[in-house]
Amino acid sequence: MAPRTCSLFDGIPAVLEKEFFQTLAESGGTRIERIVSDGQATPDGEWYDQGWDEWVLLISGVATLLFDSASPPLSLKPGDHVMIPAGCRHRVEHTDPDEKTIWLAVHFGGN
């Protein structure tokens, strides 16, 4: 199989009714995913509580993450990344409605 080249900025729908998730690569229990937000946030009262680790890099836009702990909200700008360990409840509090927010997420260490 030959290598292939793609861009994180290609193939993004112009209008997003909900967040756009796309698996870019997957192997041996590790999944690399592109997530595109366009003003979306986690619905009130809902939390992500994953059984695997997730490393997230913000490529473009801005976002605010909230963790179910005593820590303050975490504001992210392009280039910022965060390691979210398995079992760490979190939610997306805010993404910019005027500019698409592009995330690169690496999921690993799952059950």
PDB file of N, CA and C in Angstrom:
ATOM      1  N   MET A   1       0.842  -1.172   0.000  1.00  0.00           N
ATOM      2  CA  MET A   1       0.000   0.000   0.000  1.00  0.00           C
ATOM      3  C   MET A   1       0.894   1.244   0.000  1.00  0.00           C
ATOM      4  N   ALA A   2       0.510   2.225  -0.784  1.00  0.00           N
ATOM      5  CA  ALA A   2       1.297   3.458  -0.908  1.00  0.00           C
ATOM      6  C   ALA A   2       0.847   4.482   0.140  1.00  0.00           C
ATOM      7  N   PRO A   3       1.768   5.352   0.577  1.00  0.00           N
ATOM      8  CA  PRO A   3       1.375   6.423   1.502  1.00  0.00           C
ATOM      9  C   PRO A   3       0.379   7.360   0.830  1.00  0.00           C
ATOM     10  N   ARG A   4      -0.450   8.005   1.628  1.00  0.00           N
ATOM     11  CA  ARG A   4      -1.387   8.979   1.072  1.00  0.00           C
ATOM     12  C   ARG A   4      -1.312  10.263   1.888  1.00  0.00           C
ATOM     13  N   THR A   5      -1.531  11.366   1.224  1.00  0.00           N
ATOM     14  CA  THR A   5      -1.468  12.675   1.855  1.00  0.00           C
ATOM     15  C   THR A   5      -2.854  13.302   1.862  1.00  0.00           C
ATOM     16  N   CYS A   6      -3.224  13.892   2.999  1.00  0.00           N
ATOM     17  CA  CYS A   6      -4.498  14.596   3.136  1.00  0.00           C
ATOM     18  C   CYS A   6      -4.234  15.856   3.958  1.00  0.00           C
ATOM     19  N   SER A   7      -5.211  16.738   3.997  1.00  0.00           N
ATOM     20  CA  SER A   7      -5.113  17.944   4.807  1.00  0.00           C
ATOM     21  C   SER A   7      -6.222  17.939   5.857  1.00  0.00           C
ATOM     22  N   LEU A   8      -5.902  18.367   7.063  1.00  0.00           N
ATOM     23  CA  LEU A   8      -6.916  18.482   8.120  1.00  0.00           C
ATOM     24  C   LEU A   8      -7.994  19.494   7.758  1.00  0.00           C
ATOM     25  N   PHE A   9      -7.708  20.364   6.804  1.00  0.00           N
ATOM     26  CA  PHE A   9      -8.633  21.429   6.436  1.00  0.00           C
ATOM     27  C   PHE A   9      -9.525  21.060   5.243  1.00  0.00           C
ATOM     28  N   ASP A  10      -9.292  19.905   4.621  1.00  0.00           N
ATOM     29  CA  ASP A  10     -10.088  19.473   3.473  1.00  0.00           C
ATOM     30  C   ASP A  10     -11.346  18.736   3.929  1.00  0.00           C
ATOM     31  N   GLY A  11     -12.415  18.871   3.147  1.00  0.00           N
ATOM     32  CA  GLY A  11     -13.607  18.076   3.367  1.00  0.00           C
ATOM     33  C   GLY A  11     -14.443  18.469   4.568  1.00  0.00           C
ATOM     34  N   ILE A  12     -14.299  19.690   5.020  1.00  0.00           N
ATOM     35  CA  ILE A  12     -15.110  20.148   6.151  1.00  0.00           C
ATOM     36  C   ILE A  12     -16.419  20.707   5.602  1.00  0.00           C
ATOM     37  N   PRO A  13     -17.546  20.181   6.065  1.00  0.00           N
ATOM     38  CA  PRO A  13     -18.831  20.708   5.593  1.00  0.00           C
ATOM     39  C   PRO A  13     -18.962  22.204   5.888  1.00  0.00           C
ATOM     40  N   ALA A  14     -19.578  22.928   4.965  1.00  0.00           N
ATOM     41  CA  ALA A  14     -19.752  24.381   5.130  1.00  0.00           C
ATOM     42  C   ALA A  14     -20.682  24.696   6.295  1.00  0.00           C
ATOM     43  N   VAL A  15     -21.712  23.886   6.473  1.00  0.00           N
ATOM     44  CA  VAL A  15     -22.676  24.091   7.557  1.00  0.00           C
ATOM     45  C   VAL A  15     -22.670  22.855   8.436  1.00  0.00           C
ATOM     46  N   LEU A  16     -22.552  23.067   9.737  1.00  0.00           N
ATOM     47  CA  LEU A  16     -22.541  21.956  10.690  1.00  0.00           C
ATOM     48  C   LEU A  16     -23.697  22.106  11.665  1.00  0.00           C
ATOM     49  N   GLU A  17     -24.682  21.235  11.557  1.00  0.00           N
ATOM     50  CA  GLU A  17     -25.794  21.233  12.511  1.00  0.00           C
ATOM     51  C   GLU A  17     -25.333  20.699  13.862  1.00  0.00           C
ATOM     52  N   LYS A  18     -24.357  19.771  13.814  1.00  0.00           N
ATOM     53  CA  LYS A  18     -23.760  19.204  15.020  1.00  0.00           C
ATOM     54  C   LYS A  18     -22.273  19.019  14.765  1.00  0.00           C
ATOM     55  N   GLU A  19     -21.530  18.691  15.807  1.00  0.00           N
ATOM     56  CA  GLU A  19     -20.087  18.496  15.634  1.00  0.00           C
ATOM     57  C   GLU A  19     -19.834  17.399  14.601  1.00  0.00           C
ATOM     58  N   PHE A  20     -18.731  17.557  13.869  1.00  0.00           N
ATOM     59  CA  PHE A  20     -18.344  16.629  12.813  1.00  0.00           C
ATOM     60  C   PHE A  20     -17.164  15.801  13.312  1.00  0.00           C
ATOM     61  N   PHE A  21     -17.321  14.470  13.352  1.00  0.00           N
ATOM     62  CA  PHE A  21     -16.283  13.551  13.805  1.00  0.00           C
ATOM     63  C   PHE A  21     -15.839  12.697  12.630  1.00  0.00           C
ATOM     64  N   GLN A  22     -14.503  12.573  12.458  1.00  0.00           N
ATOM     65  CA  GLN A  22     -13.971  11.759  11.373  1.00  0.00           C
ATOM     66  C   GLN A  22     -12.723  11.029  11.855  1.00  0.00           C
ATOM     67  N   THR A  23     -12.750   9.702  11.765  1.00  0.00           N
ATOM     68  CA  THR A  23     -11.570   8.912  12.093  1.00  0.00           C
ATOM     69  C   THR A  23     -10.582   9.022  10.941  1.00  0.00           C
ATOM     70  N   LEU A  24      -9.366   9.473  11.261  1.00  0.00           N
ATOM     71  CA  LEU A  24      -8.325   9.642  10.240  1.00  0.00           C
ATOM     72  C   LEU A  24      -7.431   8.417  10.135  1.00  0.00           C
ATOM     73  N   ALA A  25      -7.193   7.744  11.264  1.00  0.00           N
ATOM     74  CA  ALA A  25      -6.357   6.541  11.287  1.00  0.00           C
ATOM     75  C   ALA A  25      -6.708   5.743  12.534  1.00  0.00           C
ATOM     76  N   GLU A  26      -6.532   4.431  12.419  1.00  0.00           N
ATOM     77  CA  GLU A  26      -6.850   3.560  13.546  1.00  0.00           C
ATOM     78  C   GLU A  26      -5.990   2.316  13.443  1.00  0.00           C
ATOM     79  N   SER A  27      -5.374   1.936  14.562  1.00  0.00           N
ATOM     80  CA  SER A  27      -4.538   0.740  14.575  1.00  0.00           C
ATOM     81  C   SER A  27      -4.208   0.354  16.011  1.00  0.00           C
ATOM     82  N   GLY A  28      -4.287  -0.932  16.301  1.00  0.00           N
ATOM     83  CA  GLY A  28      -3.829  -1.457  17.578  1.00  0.00           C
ATOM     84  C   GLY A  28      -4.408  -0.772  18.808  1.00  0.00           C
ATOM     85  N   GLY A  29      -5.668  -0.424  18.793  1.00  0.00           N
ATOM     86  CA  GLY A  29      -6.279   0.209  19.956  1.00  0.00           C
ATOM     87  C   GLY A  29      -6.080   1.707  20.040  1.00  0.00           C
ATOM     88  N   THR A  30      -5.477   2.295  19.026  1.00  0.00           N
ATOM     89  CA  THR A  30      -5.294   3.754  18.973  1.00  0.00           C
ATOM     90  C   THR A  30      -6.102   4.298  17.805  1.00  0.00           C
ATOM     91  N   ARG A  31      -6.815   5.404  18.065  1.00  0.00           N
ATOM     92  CA  ARG A  31      -7.622   6.037  17.025  1.00  0.00           C
ATOM     93  C   ARG A  31      -7.288   7.519  16.981  1.00  0.00           C
ATOM     94  N   ILE A  32      -7.021   8.034  15.788  1.00  0.00           N
ATOM     95  CA  ILE A  32      -6.765   9.461  15.573  1.00  0.00           C
ATOM     96  C   ILE A  32      -7.992  10.026  14.875  1.00  0.00           C
ATOM     97  N   GLU A  33      -8.519  11.102  15.448  1.00  0.00           N
ATOM     98  CA  GLU A  33      -9.794  11.631  15.003  1.00  0.00           C
ATOM     99  C   GLU A  33      -9.718  13.134  14.789  1.00  0.00           C
ATOM    100  N   ARG A  34     -10.391  13.604  13.748  1.00  0.00           N
ATOM    101  CA  ARG A  34     -10.581  15.039  13.542  1.00  0.00           C
ATOM    102  C   ARG A  34     -11.988  15.359  14.017  1.00  0.00           C
ATOM    103  N   ILE A  35     -12.095  16.419  14.813  1.00  0.00           N
ATOM    104  CA  ILE A  35     -13.387  16.899  15.286  1.00  0.00           C
ATOM    105  C   ILE A  35     -13.499  18.354  14.849  1.00  0.00           C
ATOM    106  N   VAL A  36     -14.639  18.705  14.269  1.00  0.00           N
ATOM    107  CA  VAL A  36     -14.871  20.088  13.862  1.00  0.00           C
ATOM    108  C   VAL A  36     -16.119  20.587  14.579  1.00  0.00           C
ATOM    109  N   SER A  37     -15.967  21.698  15.284  1.00  0.00           N
ATOM    110  CA  SER A  37     -17.079  22.342  15.990  1.00  0.00           C
ATOM    111  C   SER A  37     -17.339  23.687  15.340  1.00  0.00           C
ATOM    112  N   ASP A  38     -18.586  24.098  15.378  1.00  0.00           N
ATOM    113  CA  ASP A  38     -18.979  25.382  14.793  1.00  0.00           C
ATOM    114  C   ASP A  38     -19.964  26.049  15.753  1.00  0.00           C
ATOM    115  N   GLY A  39     -19.464  26.353  16.953  1.00  0.00           N
ATOM    116  CA  GLY A  39     -20.308  26.950  17.979  1.00  0.00           C
ATOM    117  C   GLY A  39     -20.968  25.929  18.885  1.00  0.00           C
ATOM    118  N   GLN A  40     -20.755  24.630  18.622  1.00  0.00           N
ATOM    119  CA  GLN A  40     -21.375  23.610  19.455  1.00  0.00           C
ATOM    120  C   GLN A  40     -20.677  23.491  20.813  1.00  0.00           C
ATOM    121  N   ALA A  41     -21.425  23.002  21.782  1.00  0.00           N
ATOM    122  CA  ALA A  41     -20.917  22.701  23.113  1.00  0.00           C
ATOM    123  C   ALA A  41     -21.624  21.434  23.582  1.00  0.00           C
ATOM    124  N   THR A  42     -21.091  20.794  24.594  1.00  0.00           N
ATOM    125  CA  THR A  42     -21.744  19.627  25.169  1.00  0.00           C
ATOM    126  C   THR A  42     -23.076  20.072  25.772  1.00  0.00           C
ATOM    127  N   PRO A  43     -24.159  19.348  25.502  1.00  0.00           N
ATOM    128  CA  PRO A  43     -25.452  19.748  26.064  1.00  0.00           C
ATOM    129  C   PRO A  43     -25.401  19.869  27.595  1.00  0.00           C
ATOM    130  N   ASP A  44     -26.171  20.813  28.134  1.00  0.00           N
ATOM    131  CA  ASP A  44     -26.226  21.027  29.584  1.00  0.00           C
ATOM    132  C   ASP A  44     -26.509  19.716  30.306  1.00  0.00           C
ATOM    133  N   GLY A  45     -25.750  19.501  31.377  1.00  0.00           N
ATOM    134  CA  GLY A  45     -25.942  18.315  32.203  1.00  0.00           C
ATOM    135  C   GLY A  45     -25.263  17.062  31.697  1.00  0.00           C
ATOM    136  N   GLU A  46     -24.689  17.100  30.488  1.00  0.00           N
ATOM    137  CA  GLU A  46     -23.999  15.930  29.935  1.00  0.00           C
ATOM    138  C   GLU A  46     -22.490  16.067  30.114  1.00  0.00           C
ATOM    139  N   TRP A  47     -21.826  14.931  30.313  1.00  0.00           N
ATOM    140  CA  TRP A  47     -20.376  14.867  30.493  1.00  0.00           C
ATOM    141  C   TRP A  47     -19.819  13.724  29.668  1.00  0.00           C
ATOM    142  N   TYR A  48     -18.605  13.892  29.159  1.00  0.00           N
ATOM    143  CA  TYR A  48     -17.860  12.776  28.588  1.00  0.00           C
ATOM    144  C   TYR A  48     -17.168  12.083  29.748  1.00  0.00           C
ATOM    145  N   ASP A  49     -17.277  10.753  29.790  1.00  0.00           N
ATOM    146  CA  ASP A  49     -16.624   9.955  30.833  1.00  0.00           C
ATOM    147  C   ASP A  49     -16.126   8.693  30.149  1.00  0.00           C
ATOM    148  N   GLN A  50     -14.934   8.776  29.580  1.00  0.00           N
ATOM    149  CA  GLN A  50     -14.409   7.749  28.701  1.00  0.00           C
ATOM    150  C   GLN A  50     -13.572   6.717  29.452  1.00  0.00           C
ATOM    151  N   GLY A  51     -13.568   5.512  28.936  1.00  0.00           N
ATOM    152  CA  GLY A  51     -12.756   4.438  29.501  1.00  0.00           C
ATOM    153  C   GLY A  51     -11.395   4.344  28.846  1.00  0.00           C
ATOM    154  N   TRP A  52     -10.936   5.410  28.222  1.00  0.00           N
ATOM    155  CA  TRP A  52      -9.633   5.455  27.552  1.00  0.00           C
ATOM    156  C   TRP A  52      -9.050   6.860  27.698  1.00  0.00           C
ATOM    157  N   ASP A  53      -7.745   6.957  27.488  1.00  0.00           N
ATOM    158  CA  ASP A  53      -7.059   8.255  27.509  1.00  0.00           C
ATOM    159  C   ASP A  53      -7.320   8.973  26.185  1.00  0.00           C
ATOM    160  N   GLU A  54      -7.313  10.313  26.264  1.00  0.00           N
ATOM    161  CA  GLU A  54      -7.488  11.120  25.055  1.00  0.00           C
ATOM    162  C   GLU A  54      -6.546  12.319  25.122  1.00  0.00           C
ATOM    163  N   TRP A  55      -5.728  12.465  24.086  1.00  0.00           N
ATOM    164  CA  TRP A  55      -4.872  13.639  23.931  1.00  0.00           C
ATOM    165  C   TRP A  55      -5.502  14.482  22.842  1.00  0.00           C
ATOM    166  N   VAL A  56      -5.717  15.768  23.126  1.00  0.00           N
ATOM    167  CA  VAL A  56      -6.410  16.652  22.185  1.00  0.00           C
ATOM    168  C   VAL A  56      -5.539  17.869  21.892  1.00  0.00           C
ATOM    169  N   LEU A  57      -5.420  18.201  20.599  1.00  0.00           N
ATOM    170  CA  LEU A  57      -4.699  19.379  20.127  1.00  0.00           C
ATOM    171  C   LEU A  57      -5.686  20.275  19.411  1.00  0.00           C
ATOM    172  N   LEU A  58      -5.732  21.549  19.787  1.00  0.00           N
ATOM    173  CA  LEU A  58      -6.594  22.501  19.097  1.00  0.00           C
ATOM    174  C   LEU A  58      -5.824  23.069  17.907  1.00  0.00           C
ATOM    175  N   ILE A  59      -6.342  22.849  16.707  1.00  0.00           N
ATOM    176  CA  ILE A  59      -5.685  23.273  15.476  1.00  0.00           C
ATOM    177  C   ILE A  59      -6.095  24.697  15.100  1.00  0.00           C
ATOM    178  N   SER A  60      -7.399  24.986  15.179  1.00  0.00           N
ATOM    179  CA  SER A  60      -7.895  26.323  14.849  1.00  0.00           C
ATOM    180  C   SER A  60      -9.132  26.626  15.681  1.00  0.00           C
ATOM    181  N   GLY A  61      -9.461  27.915  15.758  1.00  0.00           N
ATOM    182  CA  GLY A  61     -10.607  28.337  16.552  1.00  0.00           C
ATOM    183  C   GLY A  61     -10.232  28.496  18.017  1.00  0.00           C
ATOM    184  N   VAL A  62     -11.249  28.560  18.853  1.00  0.00           N
ATOM    185  CA  VAL A  62     -11.050  28.628  20.303  1.00  0.00           C
ATOM    186  C   VAL A  62     -12.067  27.703  20.957  1.00  0.00           C
ATOM    187  N   ALA A  63     -11.738  27.240  22.162  1.00  0.00           N
ATOM    188  CA  ALA A  63     -12.636  26.349  22.886  1.00  0.00           C
ATOM    189  C   ALA A  63     -12.391  26.478  24.377  1.00  0.00           C
ATOM    190  N   THR A  64     -13.397  26.130  25.130  1.00  0.00           N
ATOM    191  CA  THR A  64     -13.278  26.066  26.582  1.00  0.00           C
ATOM    192  C   THR A  64     -13.746  24.692  27.030  1.00  0.00           C
ATOM    193  N   LEU A  65     -12.896  24.009  27.803  1.00  0.00           N
ATOM    194  CA  LEU A  65     -13.229  22.714  28.384  1.00  0.00           C
ATOM    195  C   LEU A  65     -13.480  22.898  29.876  1.00  0.00           C
ATOM    196  N   LEU A  66     -14.408  22.122  30.396  1.00  0.00           N
ATOM    197  CA  LEU A  66     -14.694  22.125  31.821  1.00  0.00           C
ATOM    198  C   LEU A  66     -14.522  20.704  32.325  1.00  0.00           C
ATOM    199  N   PHE A  67     -13.840  20.567  33.446  1.00  0.00           N
ATOM    200  CA  PHE A  67     -13.610  19.263  34.049  1.00  0.00           C
ATOM    201  C   PHE A  67     -14.414  19.161  35.332  1.00  0.00           C
ATOM    202  N   ASP A  68     -14.926  17.973  35.606  1.00  0.00           N
ATOM    203  CA  ASP A  68     -15.745  17.729  36.790  1.00  0.00           C
ATOM    204  C   ASP A  68     -14.830  17.605  38.011  1.00  0.00           C
ATOM    205  N   SER A  69     -14.222  18.705  38.354  1.00  0.00           N
ATOM    206  CA  SER A  69     -13.306  18.765  39.495  1.00  0.00           C
ATOM    207  C   SER A  69     -13.261  20.213  39.948  1.00  0.00           C
ATOM    208  N   ALA A  70     -12.384  20.489  40.863  1.00  0.00           N
ATOM    209  CA  ALA A  70     -12.283  21.846  41.404  1.00  0.00           C
ATOM    210  C   ALA A  70     -11.531  22.801  40.467  1.00  0.00           C
ATOM    211  N   SER A  71     -10.986  22.282  39.370  1.00  0.00           N
ATOM    212  CA  SER A  71     -10.186  23.138  38.495  1.00  0.00           C
ATOM    213  C   SER A  71     -11.074  24.107  37.718  1.00  0.00           C
ATOM    214  N   PRO A  72     -10.541  25.293  37.415  1.00  0.00           N
ATOM    215  CA  PRO A  72     -11.313  26.271  36.629  1.00  0.00           C
ATOM    216  C   PRO A  72     -11.428  25.814  35.174  1.00  0.00           C
ATOM    217  N   PRO A  73     -12.343  26.408  34.403  1.00  0.00           N
ATOM    218  CA  PRO A  73     -12.436  26.074  32.974  1.00  0.00           C
ATOM    219  C   PRO A  73     -11.088  26.286  32.283  1.00  0.00           C
ATOM    220  N   LEU A  74     -10.828  25.479  31.272  1.00  0.00           N
ATOM    221  CA  LEU A  74      -9.571  25.534  30.529  1.00  0.00           C
ATOM    222  C   LEU A  74      -9.843  26.135  29.157  1.00  0.00           C
ATOM    223  N   SER A  75      -9.313  27.339  28.908  1.00  0.00           N
ATOM    224  CA  SER A  75      -9.467  28.005  27.614  1.00  0.00           C
ATOM    225  C   SER A  75      -8.334  27.573  26.698  1.00  0.00           C
ATOM    226  N   LEU A  76      -8.691  27.155  25.482  1.00  0.00           N
ATOM    227  CA  LEU A  76      -7.714  26.676  24.513  1.00  0.00           C
ATOM    228  C   LEU A  76      -7.693  27.570  23.286  1.00  0.00           C
ATOM    229  N   LYS A  77      -6.491  27.771  22.764  1.00  0.00           N
ATOM    230  CA  LYS A  77      -6.297  28.500  21.517  1.00  0.00           C
ATOM    231  C   LYS A  77      -5.442  27.616  20.609  1.00  0.00           C
ATOM    232  N   PRO A  78      -5.328  27.934  19.329  1.00  0.00           N
ATOM    233  CA  PRO A  78      -4.562  27.077  18.425  1.00  0.00           C
ATOM    234  C   PRO A  78      -3.158  26.765  18.962  1.00  0.00           C
ATOM    235  N   GLY A  79      -2.827  25.493  18.893  1.00  0.00           N
ATOM    236  CA  GLY A  79      -1.530  25.016  19.376  1.00  0.00           C
ATOM    237  C   GLY A  79      -1.592  24.444  20.779  1.00  0.00           C
ATOM    238  N   ASP A  80      -2.626  24.780  21.549  1.00  0.00           N
ATOM    239  CA  ASP A  80      -2.761  24.235  22.903  1.00  0.00           C
ATOM    240  C   ASP A  80      -3.199  22.774  22.819  1.00  0.00           C
ATOM    241  N   HIS A  81      -2.670  21.969  23.734  1.00  0.00           N
ATOM    242  CA  HIS A  81      -3.081  20.567  23.797  1.00  0.00           C
ATOM    243  C   HIS A  81      -3.259  20.160  25.246  1.00  0.00           C
ATOM    244  N   VAL A  82      -4.064  19.125  25.441  1.00  0.00           N
ATOM    245  CA  VAL A  82      -4.380  18.666  26.790  1.00  0.00           C
ATOM    246  C   VAL A  82      -4.494  17.146  26.784  1.00  0.00           C
ATOM    247  N   MET A  83      -3.993  16.533  27.846  1.00  0.00           N
ATOM    248  CA  MET A  83      -4.097  15.089  28.044  1.00  0.00           C
ATOM    249  C   MET A  83      -5.262  14.854  29.007  1.00  0.00           C
ATOM    250  N   ILE A  84      -6.254  14.109  28.573  1.00  0.00           N
ATOM    251  CA  ILE A  84      -7.424  13.809  29.392  1.00  0.00           C
ATOM    252  C   ILE A  84      -7.375  12.321  29.741  1.00  0.00           C
ATOM    253  N   PRO A  85      -7.058  12.002  30.992  1.00  0.00           N
ATOM    254  CA  PRO A  85      -6.945  10.587  31.354  1.00  0.00           C
ATOM    255  C   PRO A  85      -8.311   9.894  31.391  1.00  0.00           C
ATOM    256  N   ALA A  86      -8.289   8.582  31.215  1.00  0.00           N
ATOM    257  CA  ALA A  86      -9.508   7.786  31.306  1.00  0.00           C
ATOM    258  C   ALA A  86     -10.214   8.090  32.623  1.00  0.00           C
ATOM    259  N   GLY A  87     -11.545   8.196  32.566  1.00  0.00           N
ATOM    260  CA  GLY A  87     -12.336   8.434  33.768  1.00  0.00           C
ATOM    261  C   GLY A  87     -12.399   9.878  34.221  1.00  0.00           C
ATOM    262  N   CYS A  88     -11.756  10.793  33.495  1.00  0.00           N
ATOM    263  CA  CYS A  88     -11.785  12.220  33.849  1.00  0.00           C
ATOM    264  C   CYS A  88     -12.998  12.846  33.159  1.00  0.00           C
ATOM    265  N   ARG A  89     -14.050  13.079  33.945  1.00  0.00           N
ATOM    266  CA  ARG A  89     -15.271  13.651  33.358  1.00  0.00           C
ATOM    267  C   ARG A  89     -14.994  15.072  32.871  1.00  0.00           C
ATOM    268  N   HIS A  90     -15.435  15.335  31.623  1.00  0.00           N
ATOM    269  CA  HIS A  90     -15.195  16.643  31.025  1.00  0.00           C
ATOM    270  C   HIS A  90     -16.296  16.969  30.025  1.00  0.00           C
ATOM    271  N   ARG A  91     -16.347  18.236  29.654  1.00  0.00           N
ATOM    272  CA  ARG A  91     -17.330  18.696  28.679  1.00  0.00           C
ATOM    273  C   ARG A  91     -16.781  19.888  27.916  1.00  0.00           C
ATOM    274  N   VAL A  92     -17.305  20.101  26.727  1.00  0.00           N
ATOM    275  CA  VAL A  92     -16.960  21.284  25.946  1.00  0.00           C
ATOM    276  C   VAL A  92     -17.960  22.364  26.344  1.00  0.00           C
ATOM    277  N   GLU A  93     -17.465  23.417  26.954  1.00  0.00           N
ATOM    278  CA  GLU A  93     -18.324  24.519  27.407  1.00  0.00           C
ATOM    279  C   GLU A  93     -18.610  25.512  26.293  1.00  0.00           C
ATOM    280  N   HIS A  94     -17.627  25.689  25.387  1.00  0.00           N
ATOM    281  CA  HIS A  94     -17.769  26.736  24.379  1.00  0.00           C
ATOM    282  C   HIS A  94     -16.850  26.457  23.199  1.00  0.00           C
ATOM    283  N   THR A  95     -17.365  26.714  21.990  1.00  0.00           N
ATOM    284  CA  THR A  95     -16.526  26.846  20.793  1.00  0.00           C
ATOM    285  C   THR A  95     -17.031  28.066  20.045  1.00  0.00           C
ATOM    286  N   ASP A  96     -16.179  28.648  19.249  1.00  0.00           N
ATOM    287  CA  ASP A  96     -16.482  29.898  18.544  1.00  0.00           C
ATOM    288  C   ASP A  96     -17.553  29.679  17.471  1.00  0.00           C
ATOM    289  N   PRO A  97     -18.670  30.396  17.533  1.00  0.00           N
ATOM    290  CA  PRO A  97     -19.693  30.241  16.503  1.00  0.00           C
ATOM    291  C   PRO A  97     -19.348  30.951  15.190  1.00  0.00           C
ATOM    292  N   ASP A  98     -18.312  31.798  15.196  1.00  0.00           N
ATOM    293  CA  ASP A  98     -17.943  32.572  14.013  1.00  0.00           C
ATOM    294  C   ASP A  98     -16.760  31.987  13.244  1.00  0.00           C
ATOM    295  N   GLU A  99     -16.103  30.970  13.815  1.00  0.00           N
ATOM    296  CA  GLU A  99     -14.952  30.338  13.166  1.00  0.00           C
ATOM    297  C   GLU A  99     -14.960  28.866  13.534  1.00  0.00           C
ATOM    298  N   LYS A 100     -14.752  28.016  12.561  1.00  0.00           N
ATOM    299  CA  LYS A 100     -14.741  26.585  12.856  1.00  0.00           C
ATOM    300  C   LYS A 100     -13.572  26.254  13.788  1.00  0.00           C
ATOM    301  N   THR A 101     -13.867  25.445  14.777  1.00  0.00           N
ATOM    302  CA  THR A 101     -12.859  24.962  15.710  1.00  0.00           C
ATOM    303  C   THR A 101     -12.481  23.549  15.277  1.00  0.00           C
ATOM    304  N   ILE A 102     -11.202  23.352  14.966  1.00  0.00           N
ATOM    305  CA  ILE A 102     -10.728  22.043  14.506  1.00  0.00           C
ATOM    306  C   ILE A 102      -9.832  21.447  15.582  1.00  0.00           C
ATOM    307  N   TRP A 103     -10.195  20.242  15.989  1.00  0.00           N
ATOM    308  CA  TRP A 103      -9.464  19.491  17.005  1.00  0.00           C
ATOM    309  C   TRP A 103      -8.818  18.268  16.363  1.00  0.00           C
ATOM    310  N   LEU A 104      -7.668  17.856  16.882  1.00  0.00           N
ATOM    311  CA  LEU A 104      -7.076  16.577  16.541  1.00  0.00           C
ATOM    312  C   LEU A 104      -7.034  15.794  17.848  1.00  0.00           C
ATOM    313  N   ALA A 105      -7.712  14.654  17.869  1.00  0.00           N
ATOM    314  CA  ALA A 105      -7.801  13.849  19.091  1.00  0.00           C
ATOM    315  C   ALA A 105      -7.160  12.490  18.855  1.00  0.00           C
ATOM    316  N   VAL A 106      -6.376  12.046  19.832  1.00  0.00           N
ATOM    317  CA  VAL A 106      -5.775  10.712  19.792  1.00  0.00           C
ATOM    318  C   VAL A 106      -6.333   9.954  20.986  1.00  0.00           C
ATOM    319  N   HIS A 107      -7.059   8.860  20.708  1.00  0.00           N
ATOM    320  CA  HIS A 107      -7.666   8.018  21.730  1.00  0.00           C
ATOM    321  C   HIS A 107      -6.812   6.762  21.863  1.00  0.00           C
ATOM    322  N   PHE A 108      -6.461   6.392  23.104  1.00  0.00           N
ATOM    323  CA  PHE A 108      -5.625   5.204  23.302  1.00  0.00           C
ATOM    324  C   PHE A 108      -5.774   4.688  24.725  1.00  0.00           C
ATOM    325  N   GLY A 109      -5.258   3.487  24.941  1.00  0.00           N
ATOM    326  CA  GLY A 109      -5.269   2.903  26.289  1.00  0.00           C
ATOM    327  C   GLY A 109      -6.635   2.475  26.747  1.00  0.00           C
ATOM    328  N   GLY A 110      -7.544   2.206  25.817  1.00  0.00           N
ATOM    329  CA  GLY A 110      -8.911   1.861  26.186  1.00  0.00           C
ATOM    330  C   GLY A 110      -9.082   0.418  26.598  1.00  0.00           C
ATOM    331  N   ASN A 111     -10.229   0.204  27.189  1.00  0.00           N
ATOM    332  CA  ASN A 111     -10.596  -1.158  27.614  1.00  0.00           C
ATOM    333  C   ASN A 111     -11.170  -1.919  26.435  1.00  0.00           C
TER     334      ASN A 111
END
